[in-house]
Amino acid sequence: MAKVETMEVIAPARWATALVYGDFSGIEDDAECERVEAFMRELLGPVVDAIGEPEFRAALGTDTPHELAGDYLKYTVLVTRGGNDD
């Protein structure tokens, strides 16, 4: 039976609407849209929540180290893992 777990990732706060709802209307730069889409493809599942308040930080120590310093959020990702624990 598959197990559903969660994991947390840290990414720019300005990406919240795109990551959680798939709404890219707040991201006006095409190159940034492409970076968000690439980040989403690398995740092990969908982003289902943004946690807490934005926190200013350098991009190092986040899951998007190539982005600039700024406000970042923790996001919850749903991960489904296949298993044969029967």
PDB file of N, CA and C in Angstrom:
ATOM      1  N   MET A   1       0.840  -1.174   0.000  1.00  0.00           N
ATOM      2  CA  MET A   1       0.000   0.000   0.000  1.00  0.00           C
ATOM      3  C   MET A   1       0.888   1.242   0.000  1.00  0.00           C
ATOM      4  N   ALA A   2       0.510   2.231  -0.764  1.00  0.00           N
ATOM      5  CA  ALA A   2       1.279   3.474  -0.845  1.00  0.00           C
ATOM      6  C   ALA A   2       1.129   4.262   0.450  1.00  0.00           C
ATOM      7  N   LYS A   3       2.196   4.915   0.826  1.00  0.00           N
ATOM      8  CA  LYS A   3       2.189   5.751   2.020  1.00  0.00           C
ATOM      9  C   LYS A   3       2.240   7.211   1.591  1.00  0.00           C
ATOM     10  N   VAL A   4       1.430   8.023   2.236  1.00  0.00           N
ATOM     11  CA  VAL A   4       1.454   9.455   1.965  1.00  0.00           C
ATOM     12  C   VAL A   4       2.165  10.130   3.125  1.00  0.00           C
ATOM     13  N   GLU A   5       3.193  10.879   2.800  1.00  0.00           N
ATOM     14  CA  GLU A   5       3.984  11.602   3.784  1.00  0.00           C
ATOM     15  C   GLU A   5       4.081  13.048   3.347  1.00  0.00           C
ATOM     16  N   THR A   6       4.611  13.876   4.212  1.00  0.00           N
ATOM     17  CA  THR A   6       4.868  15.262   3.835  1.00  0.00           C
ATOM     18  C   THR A   6       6.341  15.563   4.021  1.00  0.00           C
ATOM     19  N   MET A   7       6.793  16.545   3.277  1.00  0.00           N
ATOM     20  CA  MET A   7       8.142  17.066   3.465  1.00  0.00           C
ATOM     21  C   MET A   7       8.052  18.585   3.337  1.00  0.00           C
ATOM     22  N   GLU A   8       9.013  19.274   3.879  1.00  0.00           N
ATOM     23  CA  GLU A   8       9.034  20.722   3.786  1.00  0.00           C
ATOM     24  C   GLU A   8      10.169  21.168   2.881  1.00  0.00           C
ATOM     25  N   VAL A   9       9.889  22.203   2.097  1.00  0.00           N
ATOM     26  CA  VAL A   9      10.908  22.841   1.270  1.00  0.00           C
ATOM     27  C   VAL A   9      10.854  24.333   1.544  1.00  0.00           C
ATOM     28  N   ILE A  10      11.946  25.008   1.278  1.00  0.00           N
ATOM     29  CA  ILE A  10      12.014  26.461   1.460  1.00  0.00           C
ATOM     30  C   ILE A  10      12.252  27.093   0.100  1.00  0.00           C
ATOM     31  N   ALA A  11      11.362  28.011  -0.265  1.00  0.00           N
ATOM     32  CA  ALA A  11      11.433  28.668  -1.569  1.00  0.00           C
ATOM     33  C   ALA A  11      10.936  30.110  -1.412  1.00  0.00           C
ATOM     34  N   PRO A  12      11.155  30.943  -2.424  1.00  0.00           N
ATOM     35  CA  PRO A  12      10.741  32.334  -2.328  1.00  0.00           C
ATOM     36  C   PRO A  12       9.245  32.492  -2.011  1.00  0.00           C
ATOM     37  N   ALA A  13       8.937  33.433  -1.140  1.00  0.00           N
ATOM     38  CA  ALA A  13       7.553  33.697  -0.754  1.00  0.00           C
ATOM     39  C   ALA A  13       6.733  34.169  -1.954  1.00  0.00           C
ATOM     40  N   ARG A  14       7.349  34.878  -2.880  1.00  0.00           N
ATOM     41  CA  ARG A  14       6.603  35.406  -4.028  1.00  0.00           C
ATOM     42  C   ARG A  14       6.122  34.285  -4.959  1.00  0.00           C
ATOM     43  N   TRP A  15       6.609  33.078  -4.749  1.00  0.00           N
ATOM     44  CA  TRP A  15       6.196  31.933  -5.540  1.00  0.00           C
ATOM     45  C   TRP A  15       4.978  31.224  -4.944  1.00  0.00           C
ATOM     46  N   ALA A  16       4.485  31.650  -3.803  1.00  0.00           N
ATOM     47  CA  ALA A  16       3.458  30.912  -3.066  1.00  0.00           C
ATOM     48  C   ALA A  16       2.227  30.597  -3.904  1.00  0.00           C
ATOM     49  N   THR A  17       1.667  31.567  -4.572  1.00  0.00           N
ATOM     50  CA  THR A  17       0.443  31.337  -5.339  1.00  0.00           C
ATOM     51  C   THR A  17       0.689  30.363  -6.483  1.00  0.00           C
ATOM     52  N   ALA A  18       1.839  30.477  -7.116  1.00  0.00           N
ATOM     53  CA  ALA A  18       2.168  29.560  -8.205  1.00  0.00           C
ATOM     54  C   ALA A  18       2.384  28.141  -7.679  1.00  0.00           C
ATOM     55  N   LEU A  19       3.101  28.006  -6.572  1.00  0.00           N
ATOM     56  CA  LEU A  19       3.405  26.678  -6.050  1.00  0.00           C
ATOM     57  C   LEU A  19       2.177  25.977  -5.484  1.00  0.00           C
ATOM     58  N   VAL A  20       1.355  26.700  -4.732  1.00  0.00           N
ATOM     59  CA  VAL A  20       0.217  26.071  -4.060  1.00  0.00           C
ATOM     60  C   VAL A  20      -0.985  25.928  -4.987  1.00  0.00           C
ATOM     61  N   TYR A  21      -1.267  26.975  -5.790  1.00  0.00           N
ATOM     62  CA  TYR A  21      -2.484  26.980  -6.602  1.00  0.00           C
ATOM     63  C   TYR A  21      -2.250  26.846  -8.106  1.00  0.00           C
ATOM     64  N   GLY A  22      -0.986  26.882  -8.533  1.00  0.00           N
ATOM     65  CA  GLY A  22      -0.703  26.811  -9.962  1.00  0.00           C
ATOM     66  C   GLY A  22      -1.044  28.084 -10.702  1.00  0.00           C
ATOM     67  N   ASP A  23      -1.173  29.195  -9.982  1.00  0.00           N
ATOM     68  CA  ASP A  23      -1.535  30.486 -10.565  1.00  0.00           C
ATOM     69  C   ASP A  23      -0.271  31.330 -10.720  1.00  0.00           C
ATOM     70  N   PHE A  24       0.180  31.490 -11.951  1.00  0.00           N
ATOM     71  CA  PHE A  24       1.413  32.214 -12.233  1.00  0.00           C
ATOM     72  C   PHE A  24       1.174  33.685 -12.562  1.00  0.00           C
ATOM     73  N   SER A  25      -0.037  34.184 -12.388  1.00  0.00           N
ATOM     74  CA  SER A  25      -0.355  35.556 -12.796  1.00  0.00           C
ATOM     75  C   SER A  25       0.436  36.610 -12.019  1.00  0.00           C
ATOM     76  N   GLY A  26       0.890  36.292 -10.827  1.00  0.00           N
ATOM     77  CA  GLY A  26       1.659  37.247 -10.042  1.00  0.00           C
ATOM     78  C   GLY A  26       3.137  37.273 -10.383  1.00  0.00           C
ATOM     79  N   ILE A  27       3.574  36.371 -11.235  1.00  0.00           N
ATOM     80  CA  ILE A  27       4.981  36.330 -11.645  1.00  0.00           C
ATOM     81  C   ILE A  27       5.041  36.835 -13.075  1.00  0.00           C
ATOM     82  N   GLU A  28       5.561  38.028 -13.221  1.00  0.00           N
ATOM     83  CA  GLU A  28       5.527  38.704 -14.516  1.00  0.00           C
ATOM     84  C   GLU A  28       6.691  38.374 -15.434  1.00  0.00           C
ATOM     85  N   ASP A  29       7.757  37.860 -14.884  1.00  0.00           N
ATOM     86  CA  ASP A  29       8.949  37.572 -15.660  1.00  0.00           C
ATOM     87  C   ASP A  29       8.901  36.142 -16.187  1.00  0.00           C
ATOM     88  N   ASP A  30       9.007  35.973 -17.512  1.00  0.00           N
ATOM     89  CA  ASP A  30       8.945  34.637 -18.116  1.00  0.00           C
ATOM     90  C   ASP A  30      10.060  33.725 -17.614  1.00  0.00           C
ATOM     91  N   ALA A  31      11.242  34.274 -17.423  1.00  0.00           N
ATOM     92  CA  ALA A  31      12.366  33.461 -16.949  1.00  0.00           C
ATOM     93  C   ALA A  31      12.088  32.958 -15.531  1.00  0.00           C
ATOM     94  N   GLU A  32      11.482  33.786 -14.698  1.00  0.00           N
ATOM     95  CA  GLU A  32      11.161  33.347 -13.342  1.00  0.00           C
ATOM     96  C   GLU A  32      10.063  32.280 -13.372  1.00  0.00           C
ATOM     97  N   CYS A  33       9.076  32.428 -14.251  1.00  0.00           N
ATOM     98  CA  CYS A  33       8.047  31.393 -14.410  1.00  0.00           C
ATOM     99  C   CYS A  33       8.688  30.056 -14.756  1.00  0.00           C
ATOM    100  N   GLU A  34       9.656  30.084 -15.637  1.00  0.00           N
ATOM    101  CA  GLU A  34      10.355  28.856 -16.021  1.00  0.00           C
ATOM    102  C   GLU A  34      11.101  28.255 -14.833  1.00  0.00           C
ATOM    103  N   ARG A  35      11.695  29.110 -13.980  1.00  0.00           N
ATOM    104  CA  ARG A  35      12.406  28.602 -12.796  1.00  0.00           C
ATOM    105  C   ARG A  35      11.421  27.968 -11.810  1.00  0.00           C
ATOM    106  N   VAL A  36      10.256  28.588 -11.642  1.00  0.00           N
ATOM    107  CA  VAL A  36       9.244  28.020 -10.745  1.00  0.00           C
ATOM    108  C   VAL A  36       8.774  26.675 -11.278  1.00  0.00           C
ATOM    109  N   GLU A  37       8.493  26.605 -12.570  1.00  0.00           N
ATOM    110  CA  GLU A  37       8.044  25.344 -13.173  1.00  0.00           C
ATOM    111  C   GLU A  37       9.111  24.258 -13.039  1.00  0.00           C
ATOM    112  N   ALA A  38      10.360  24.609 -13.241  1.00  0.00           N
ATOM    113  CA  ALA A  38      11.449  23.639 -13.090  1.00  0.00           C
ATOM    114  C   ALA A  38      11.532  23.149 -11.642  1.00  0.00           C
ATOM    115  N   PHE A  39      11.387  24.056 -10.697  1.00  0.00           N
ATOM    116  CA  PHE A  39      11.409  23.694  -9.283  1.00  0.00           C
ATOM    117  C   PHE A  39      10.265  22.725  -8.969  1.00  0.00           C
ATOM    118  N   MET A  40       9.082  23.009  -9.491  1.00  0.00           N
ATOM    119  CA  MET A  40       7.928  22.155  -9.253  1.00  0.00           C
ATOM    120  C   MET A  40       8.142  20.754  -9.823  1.00  0.00           C
ATOM    121  N   ARG A  41       8.772  20.663 -10.973  1.00  0.00           N
ATOM    122  CA  ARG A  41       9.044  19.355 -11.593  1.00  0.00           C
ATOM    123  C   ARG A  41      10.013  18.517 -10.754  1.00  0.00           C
ATOM    124  N   GLU A  42      10.903  19.178 -10.028  1.00  0.00           N
ATOM    125  CA  GLU A  42      11.892  18.473  -9.216  1.00  0.00           C
ATOM    126  C   GLU A  42      11.321  17.944  -7.899  1.00  0.00           C
ATOM    127  N   LEU A  43      10.191  18.486  -7.475  1.00  0.00           N
ATOM    128  CA  LEU A  43       9.603  18.063  -6.210  1.00  0.00           C
ATOM    129  C   LEU A  43       9.036  16.652  -6.338  1.00  0.00           C
ATOM    130  N   LEU A  44       8.890  15.976  -5.216  1.00  0.00           N
ATOM    131  CA  LEU A  44       8.401  14.602  -5.205  1.00  0.00           C
ATOM    132  C   LEU A  44       6.874  14.521  -5.193  1.00  0.00           C
ATOM    133  N   GLY A  45       6.212  15.667  -5.235  1.00  0.00           N
ATOM    134  CA  GLY A  45       4.752  15.708  -5.211  1.00  0.00           C
ATOM    135  C   GLY A  45       4.280  17.144  -5.233  1.00  0.00           C
ATOM    136  N   PRO A  46       2.970  17.338  -5.099  1.00  0.00           N
ATOM    137  CA  PRO A  46       2.418  18.688  -5.165  1.00  0.00           C
ATOM    138  C   PRO A  46       2.636  19.481  -3.872  1.00  0.00           C
ATOM    139  N   VAL A  47       2.766  20.779  -4.021  1.00  0.00           N
ATOM    140  CA  VAL A  47       2.825  21.678  -2.866  1.00  0.00           C
ATOM    141  C   VAL A  47       1.389  21.904  -2.418  1.00  0.00           C
ATOM    142  N   VAL A  48       1.117  21.678  -1.135  1.00  0.00           N
ATOM    143  CA  VAL A  48      -0.250  21.789  -0.638  1.00  0.00           C
ATOM    144  C   VAL A  48      -0.459  22.912   0.372  1.00  0.00           C
ATOM    145  N   ASP A  49       0.628  23.538   0.838  1.00  0.00           N
ATOM    146  CA  ASP A  49       0.468  24.569   1.855  1.00  0.00           C
ATOM    147  C   ASP A  49       1.730  25.413   1.960  1.00  0.00           C
ATOM    148  N   ALA A  50       1.536  26.662   2.353  1.00  0.00           N
ATOM    149  CA  ALA A  50       2.643  27.542   2.722  1.00  0.00           C
ATOM    150  C   ALA A  50       2.562  27.703   4.235  1.00  0.00           C
ATOM    151  N   ILE A  51       3.699  27.582   4.914  1.00  0.00           N
ATOM    152  CA  ILE A  51       3.717  27.540   6.373  1.00  0.00           C
ATOM    153  C   ILE A  51       4.282  28.836   6.945  1.00  0.00           C
ATOM    154  N   GLY A  52       3.582  29.431   7.874  1.00  0.00           N
ATOM    155  CA  GLY A  52       4.101  30.556   8.628  1.00  0.00           C
ATOM    156  C   GLY A  52       4.160  31.855   7.851  1.00  0.00           C
ATOM    157  N   GLU A  53       4.985  32.742   8.356  1.00  0.00           N
ATOM    158  CA  GLU A  53       5.172  34.065   7.775  1.00  0.00           C
ATOM    159  C   GLU A  53       6.473  34.103   6.980  1.00  0.00           C
ATOM    160  N   PRO A  54       6.520  34.933   5.934  1.00  0.00           N
ATOM    161  CA  PRO A  54       7.767  35.068   5.184  1.00  0.00           C
ATOM    162  C   PRO A  54       8.911  35.522   6.086  1.00  0.00           C
ATOM    163  N   GLU A  55      10.090  35.013   5.789  1.00  0.00           N
ATOM    164  CA  GLU A  55      11.292  35.344   6.561  1.00  0.00           C
ATOM    165  C   GLU A  55      12.384  35.748   5.585  1.00  0.00           C
ATOM    166  N   PHE A  56      13.032  36.879   5.848  1.00  0.00           N
ATOM    167  CA  PHE A  56      14.122  37.313   4.973  1.00  0.00           C
ATOM    168  C   PHE A  56      15.319  36.410   5.211  1.00  0.00           C
ATOM    169  N   ARG A  57      15.888  35.931   4.115  1.00  0.00           N
ATOM    170  CA  ARG A  57      17.083  35.086   4.224  1.00  0.00           C
ATOM    171  C   ARG A  57      17.849  35.101   2.910  1.00  0.00           C
ATOM    172  N   ALA A  58      19.098  34.719   3.015  1.00  0.00           N
ATOM    173  CA  ALA A  58      19.897  34.504   1.813  1.00  0.00           C
ATOM    174  C   ALA A  58      19.402  33.215   1.183  1.00  0.00           C
ATOM    175  N   ALA A  59      19.592  33.068  -0.097  1.00  0.00           N
ATOM    176  CA  ALA A  59      19.109  31.876  -0.787  1.00  0.00           C
ATOM    177  C   ALA A  59      19.868  30.620  -0.364  1.00  0.00           C
ATOM    178  N   LEU A  60      21.105  30.786   0.098  1.00  0.00           N
ATOM    179  CA  LEU A  60      21.845  29.630   0.596  1.00  0.00           C
ATOM    180  C   LEU A  60      21.099  29.077   1.795  1.00  0.00           C
ATOM    181  N   GLY A  61      21.000  27.788   1.872  1.00  0.00           N
ATOM    182  CA  GLY A  61      20.247  27.175   2.966  1.00  0.00           C
ATOM    183  C   GLY A  61      18.775  27.004   2.629  1.00  0.00           C
ATOM    184  N   THR A  62      18.418  27.248   1.368  1.00  0.00           N
ATOM    185  CA  THR A  62      17.054  27.024   0.912  1.00  0.00           C
ATOM    186  C   THR A  62      17.067  25.928  -0.144  1.00  0.00           C
ATOM    187  N   ASP A  63      15.902  25.602  -0.640  1.00  0.00           N
ATOM    188  CA  ASP A  63      15.823  24.613  -1.713  1.00  0.00           C
ATOM    189  C   ASP A  63      15.899  25.262  -3.088  1.00  0.00           C
ATOM    190  N   THR A  64      16.147  26.572  -3.102  1.00  0.00           N
ATOM    191  CA  THR A  64      16.313  27.331  -4.349  1.00  0.00           C
ATOM    192  C   THR A  64      17.563  28.201  -4.236  1.00  0.00           C
ATOM    193  N   PRO A  65      18.737  27.581  -4.144  1.00  0.00           N
ATOM    194  CA  PRO A  65      19.962  28.340  -3.860  1.00  0.00           C
ATOM    195  C   PRO A  65      20.396  29.298  -4.957  1.00  0.00           C
ATOM    196  N   HIS A  66      19.809  29.211  -6.144  1.00  0.00           N
ATOM    197  CA  HIS A  66      20.213  30.107  -7.226  1.00  0.00           C
ATOM    198  C   HIS A  66      19.370  31.384  -7.276  1.00  0.00           C
ATOM    199  N   GLU A  67      18.398  31.490  -6.390  1.00  0.00           N
ATOM    200  CA  GLU A  67      17.587  32.702  -6.317  1.00  0.00           C
ATOM    201  C   GLU A  67      18.297  33.737  -5.444  1.00  0.00           C
ATOM    202  N   LEU A  68      17.851  34.976  -5.528  1.00  0.00           N
ATOM    203  CA  LEU A  68      18.439  36.050  -4.738  1.00  0.00           C
ATOM    204  C   LEU A  68      17.910  36.031  -3.309  1.00  0.00           C
ATOM    205  N   ALA A  69      18.618  36.719  -2.426  1.00  0.00           N
ATOM    206  CA  ALA A  69      18.139  36.880  -1.056  1.00  0.00           C
ATOM    207  C   ALA A  69      16.793  37.592  -1.098  1.00  0.00           C
ATOM    208  N   GLY A  70      15.950  37.302  -0.122  1.00  0.00           N
ATOM    209  CA  GLY A  70      14.629  37.931  -0.065  1.00  0.00           C
ATOM    210  C   GLY A  70      13.755  37.210   0.930  1.00  0.00           C
ATOM    211  N   ASP A  71      12.448  37.396   0.823  1.00  0.00           N
ATOM    212  CA  ASP A  71      11.504  36.734   1.707  1.00  0.00           C
ATOM    213  C   ASP A  71      11.255  35.309   1.226  1.00  0.00           C
ATOM    214  N   TYR A  72      11.385  34.371   2.144  1.00  0.00           N
ATOM    215  CA  TYR A  72      11.209  32.955   1.850  1.00  0.00           C
ATOM    216  C   TYR A  72      10.160  32.364   2.783  1.00  0.00           C
ATOM    217  N   LEU A  73       9.514  31.303   2.308  1.00  0.00           N
ATOM    218  CA  LEU A  73       8.538  30.559   3.094  1.00  0.00           C
ATOM    219  C   LEU A  73       8.886  29.086   3.104  1.00  0.00           C
ATOM    220  N   LYS A  74       8.382  28.393   4.109  1.00  0.00           N
ATOM    221  CA  LYS A  74       8.406  26.938   4.100  1.00  0.00           C
ATOM    222  C   LYS A  74       7.112  26.482   3.433  1.00  0.00           C
ATOM    223  N   TYR A  75       7.224  25.454   2.608  1.00  0.00           N
ATOM    224  CA  TYR A  75       6.073  24.885   1.911  1.00  0.00           C
ATOM    225  C   TYR A  75       5.973  23.406   2.251  1.00  0.00           C
ATOM    226  N   THR A  76       4.741  22.912   2.329  1.00  0.00           N
ATOM    227  CA  THR A  76       4.500  21.491   2.556  1.00  0.00           C
ATOM    228  C   THR A  76       4.260  20.803   1.222  1.00  0.00           C
ATOM    229  N   VAL A  77       4.995  19.727   0.984  1.00  0.00           N
ATOM    230  CA  VAL A  77       4.865  18.935  -0.237  1.00  0.00           C
ATOM    231  C   VAL A  77       4.316  17.561   0.154  1.00  0.00           C
ATOM    232  N   LEU A  78       3.273  17.116  -0.548  1.00  0.00           N
ATOM    233  CA  LEU A  78       2.719  15.770  -0.337  1.00  0.00           C
ATOM    234  C   LEU A  78       3.536  14.773  -1.141  1.00  0.00           C
ATOM    235  N   VAL A  79       4.028  13.766  -0.477  1.00  0.00           N
ATOM    236  CA  VAL A  79       4.861  12.764  -1.122  1.00  0.00           C
ATOM    237  C   VAL A  79       4.182  11.402  -0.969  1.00  0.00           C
ATOM    238  N   THR A  80       3.944  10.736  -2.078  1.00  0.00           N
ATOM    239  CA  THR A  80       3.373   9.384  -2.050  1.00  0.00           C
ATOM    240  C   THR A  80       4.486   8.400  -2.350  1.00  0.00           C
ATOM    241  N   ARG A  81       4.696   7.499  -1.441  1.00  0.00           N
ATOM    242  CA  ARG A  81       5.735   6.494  -1.610  1.00  0.00           C
ATOM    243  C   ARG A  81       5.064   5.124  -1.756  1.00  0.00           C
ATOM    244  N   GLY A  82       5.439   4.442  -2.817  1.00  0.00           N
ATOM    245  CA  GLY A  82       4.904   3.097  -3.024  1.00  0.00           C
ATOM    246  C   GLY A  82       5.538   2.154  -2.032  1.00  0.00           C
ATOM    247  N   GLY A  83       4.802   1.171  -1.606  1.00  0.00           N
ATOM    248  CA  GLY A  83       5.380   0.237  -0.661  1.00  0.00           C
ATOM    249  C   GLY A  83       4.661  -1.094  -0.694  1.00  0.00           C
ATOM    250  N   ASN A  84       5.370  -2.117  -0.330  1.00  0.00           N
ATOM    251  CA  ASN A  84       4.802  -3.458  -0.221  1.00  0.00           C
ATOM    252  C   ASN A  84       5.047  -3.964   1.197  1.00  0.00           C
ATOM    253  N   ASP A  85       4.395  -3.314   2.151  1.00  0.00           N
ATOM    254  CA  ASP A  85       4.599  -3.678   3.555  1.00  0.00           C
ATOM    255  C   ASP A  85       3.636  -4.764   4.010  1.00  0.00           C
ATOM    256  N   ASP A  86       3.002  -5.463   3.085  1.00  0.00           N
ATOM    257  CA  ASP A  86       2.036  -6.495   3.470  1.00  0.00           C
ATOM    258  C   ASP A  86       2.709  -7.726   3.992  1.00  0.00           C
TER     259      ASP A  86
END
